[in-house]
C-alpha atoms as a PDB file:
ATOM      1  CA  MET A   1       5.334  12.053 -11.117  1.00  0.00           C
ATOM      2  CA  VAL A   2       5.333  11.313  -7.386  1.00  0.00           C
ATOM      3  CA  GLY A   3       8.848  11.736  -7.199  1.00  0.00           C
ATOM      4  CA  PHE A   4       8.941  15.230  -8.910  1.00  0.00           C
ATOM      5  CA  VAL A   5       6.036  16.542  -6.849  1.00  0.00           C
ATOM      6  CA  ALA A   6       7.609  15.089  -3.518  1.00  0.00           C
ATOM      7  CA  ALA A   7      10.960  16.796  -4.260  1.00  0.00           C
ATOM      8  CA  LEU A   8       9.426  20.086  -4.898  1.00  0.00           C
ATOM      9  CA  GLY A   9       7.246  19.667  -1.820  1.00  0.00           C
ATOM     10  CA  VAL A  10      10.295  19.205   0.361  1.00  0.00           C
ATOM     11  CA  GLU A  11      11.941  22.163  -1.143  1.00  0.00           C
ATOM     12  CA  LEU A  12       8.962  24.361  -0.419  1.00  0.00           C
ATOM     13  CA  ALA A  13       8.676  22.866   3.223  1.00  0.00           C
ATOM     14  CA  ARG A  14      12.401  22.575   4.250  1.00  0.00           C
ATOM     15  CA  GLY A  15      14.104  24.793   1.698  1.00  0.00           C
ATOM     16  CA  THR A  16      16.616  22.154   1.009  1.00  0.00           C
ATOM     17  CA  GLY A  17      17.653  21.286  -2.591  1.00  0.00           C
ATOM     18  CA  LEU A  18      17.491  17.973  -4.477  1.00  0.00           C
ATOM     19  CA  ALA A  19      20.964  17.106  -3.872  1.00  0.00           C
ATOM     20  CA  ALA A  20      20.651  17.862  -0.106  1.00  0.00           C
ATOM     21  CA  GLN A  21      17.732  15.735   0.118  1.00  0.00           C
ATOM     22  CA  VAL A  22      19.396  12.693  -1.489  1.00  0.00           C
ATOM     23  CA  ALA A  23      22.617  13.357   0.569  1.00  0.00           C
ATOM     24  CA  GLU A  24      20.536  13.483   3.861  1.00  0.00           C
ATOM     25  CA  GLY A  25      19.172  10.041   3.147  1.00  0.00           C
ATOM     26  CA  ALA A  26      16.326  10.506   5.538  1.00  0.00           C
ATOM     27  CA  GLY A  27      13.643  10.051   2.785  1.00  0.00           C
ATOM     28  CA  VAL A  28      15.286   6.908   1.349  1.00  0.00           C
ATOM     29  CA  PRO A  29      13.239   4.252   3.177  1.00  0.00           C
ATOM     30  CA  TRP A  30      10.056   6.240   2.301  1.00  0.00           C
ATOM     31  CA  PHE A  31      11.202   6.408  -1.449  1.00  0.00           C
ATOM     32  CA  VAL A  32      11.934   2.751  -1.621  1.00  0.00           C
ATOM     33  CA  ALA A  33       8.606   1.817   0.082  1.00  0.00           C
ATOM     34  CA  THR A  34       6.646   4.142  -2.055  1.00  0.00           C
ATOM     35  CA  ALA A  35       8.381   2.927  -5.296  1.00  0.00           C
ATOM     36  CA  SER A  36       7.881  -0.802  -4.359  1.00  0.00           C
ATOM     37  CA  VAL A  37       4.152  -0.315  -3.546  1.00  0.00           C
ATOM     38  CA  LEU A  38       3.375   1.587  -6.727  1.00  0.00           C
ATOM     39  CA  SER A  39       5.504  -0.734  -8.819  1.00  0.00           C
ATOM     40  CA  LEU A  40       3.473  -3.697  -7.575  1.00  0.00           C
ATOM     41  CA  ALA A  41       0.318  -2.074  -7.763  1.00  0.00           C
ATOM     42  CA  SER A  42       0.980  -1.290 -11.413  1.00  0.00           C
ATOM     43  CA  LEU A  43       1.865  -4.808 -12.248  1.00  0.00           C
ATOM     44  CA  VAL A  44      -1.377  -6.303 -10.772  1.00  0.00           C
ATOM     45  CA  PRO A  45      -3.534  -5.718 -13.928  1.00  0.00           C
ATOM     46  CA  LEU A  46      -0.732  -7.038 -16.201  1.00  0.00           C
ATOM     47  CA  PHE A  47      -0.713 -10.199 -14.218  1.00  0.00           C
ATOM     48  CA  LYS A  48      -4.500 -10.517 -14.600  1.00  0.00           C
ATOM     49  CA  GLY A  49      -3.995 -10.267 -18.374  1.00  0.00           C
ATOM     50  CA  VAL A  50      -5.473  -6.433 -18.742  1.00  0.00           C
ATOM     51  CA  THR A  51      -3.631  -4.317 -21.143  1.00  0.00           C
ATOM     52  CA  PRO A  52      -3.427  -0.676 -20.700  1.00  0.00           C
ATOM     53  CA  GLU A  53      -4.831  -0.083 -24.210  1.00  0.00           C
ATOM     54  CA  SER A  54      -7.949  -2.026 -23.340  1.00  0.00           C
ATOM     55  CA  ARG A  55      -8.665   0.329 -20.229  1.00  0.00           C
ATOM     56  CA  SER A  56      -7.890   3.495 -22.012  1.00  0.00           C
ATOM     57  CA  ALA A  57     -10.818   5.782 -22.474  1.00  0.00           C
ATOM     58  CA  GLY A  58     -11.262   9.525 -22.706  1.00  0.00           C
ATOM     59  CA  LEU A  59      -8.493  11.554 -21.457  1.00  0.00           C
ATOM     60  CA  MET A  60      -6.897   8.906 -19.430  1.00  0.00           C
ATOM     61  CA  THR A  61      -5.230   6.896 -22.147  1.00  0.00           C
ATOM     62  CA  SER A  62      -2.016   4.897 -22.014  1.00  0.00           C
ATOM     63  CA  ASP A  63      -0.279   7.327 -24.383  1.00  0.00           C
ATOM     64  CA  ALA A  64      -1.304  10.246 -22.040  1.00  0.00           C
ATOM     65  CA  GLU A  65       0.095   8.473 -19.111  1.00  0.00           C
ATOM     66  CA  MET A  66       3.309   7.762 -20.886  1.00  0.00           C
ATOM     67  CA  TRP A  67       3.634  11.486 -21.675  1.00  0.00           C
ATOM     68  CA  ASN A  68       2.757  12.402 -18.192  1.00  0.00           C
ATOM     69  CA  GLY A  69       5.702  10.222 -16.979  1.00  0.00           C
ATOM     70  CA  ARG A  70       8.114  11.596 -19.541  1.00  0.00           C
ATOM     71  CA  PHE A  71       7.291  15.177 -18.479  1.00  0.00           C
ATOM     72  CA  ALA A  72       7.712  14.320 -14.854  1.00  0.00           C
ATOM     73  CA  MET A  73      11.112  12.893 -15.618  1.00  0.00           C
ATOM     74  CA  LEU A  74      12.070  15.902 -17.595  1.00  0.00           C
ATOM     75  CA  GLY A  75      10.814  18.117 -14.646  1.00  0.00           C
ATOM     76  CA  LEU A  76      12.878  16.163 -12.243  1.00  0.00           C
ATOM     77  CA  VAL A  77      16.088  16.612 -14.428  1.00  0.00           C
ATOM     78  CA  ALA A  78      15.244  20.194 -14.963  1.00  0.00           C
ATOM     79  CA  LEU A  79      14.996  20.762 -11.172  1.00  0.00           C
ATOM     80  CA  ALA A  80      18.447  19.079 -10.519  1.00  0.00           C
ATOM     81  CA  PHE A  81      19.987  20.939 -13.385  1.00  0.00           C
ATOM     82  CA  THR A  82      18.807  24.312 -12.106  1.00  0.00           C
ATOM     83  CA  GLU A  83      19.938  23.593  -8.568  1.00  0.00           C
ATOM     84  CA  PHE A  84      23.309  22.582  -9.855  1.00  0.00           C
ATOM     85  CA  VAL A  85      23.684  25.763 -12.025  1.00  0.00           C
ATOM     86  CA  THR A  86      22.292  28.290  -9.292  1.00  0.00           C
ATOM     87  CA  GLY A  87      23.994  26.240  -6.470  1.00  0.00           C
ATOM     88  CA  GLY A  88      20.951  26.338  -4.213  1.00  0.00           C
ATOM     89  CA  PRO A  89      17.400  25.087  -4.046  1.00  0.00           C
ATOM     90  CA  LEU A  90      14.943  26.288  -6.622  1.00  0.00           C
ATOM     91  CA  VAL A  91      12.585  27.977  -4.032  1.00  0.00           C
END
């Protein structure tokens, strides 16, 4: 979800498409750092022996988070496909 929102935010701010953002390479260190920190942070409960199902309550269940991630990936693919078809940024 962070990647999709970040890509859309850069498009709104700079007017560059997803392909141009990747080709530019300026955000790669930020992407790697953010992905590393978030990945490590998500593994901490696992190392402590806490399962996602045991912490699920109300709207924030492990299934809801899985669907949220799937829709974010679908949105990122749709963004890239739309830019490929139109030949320019979405916004």
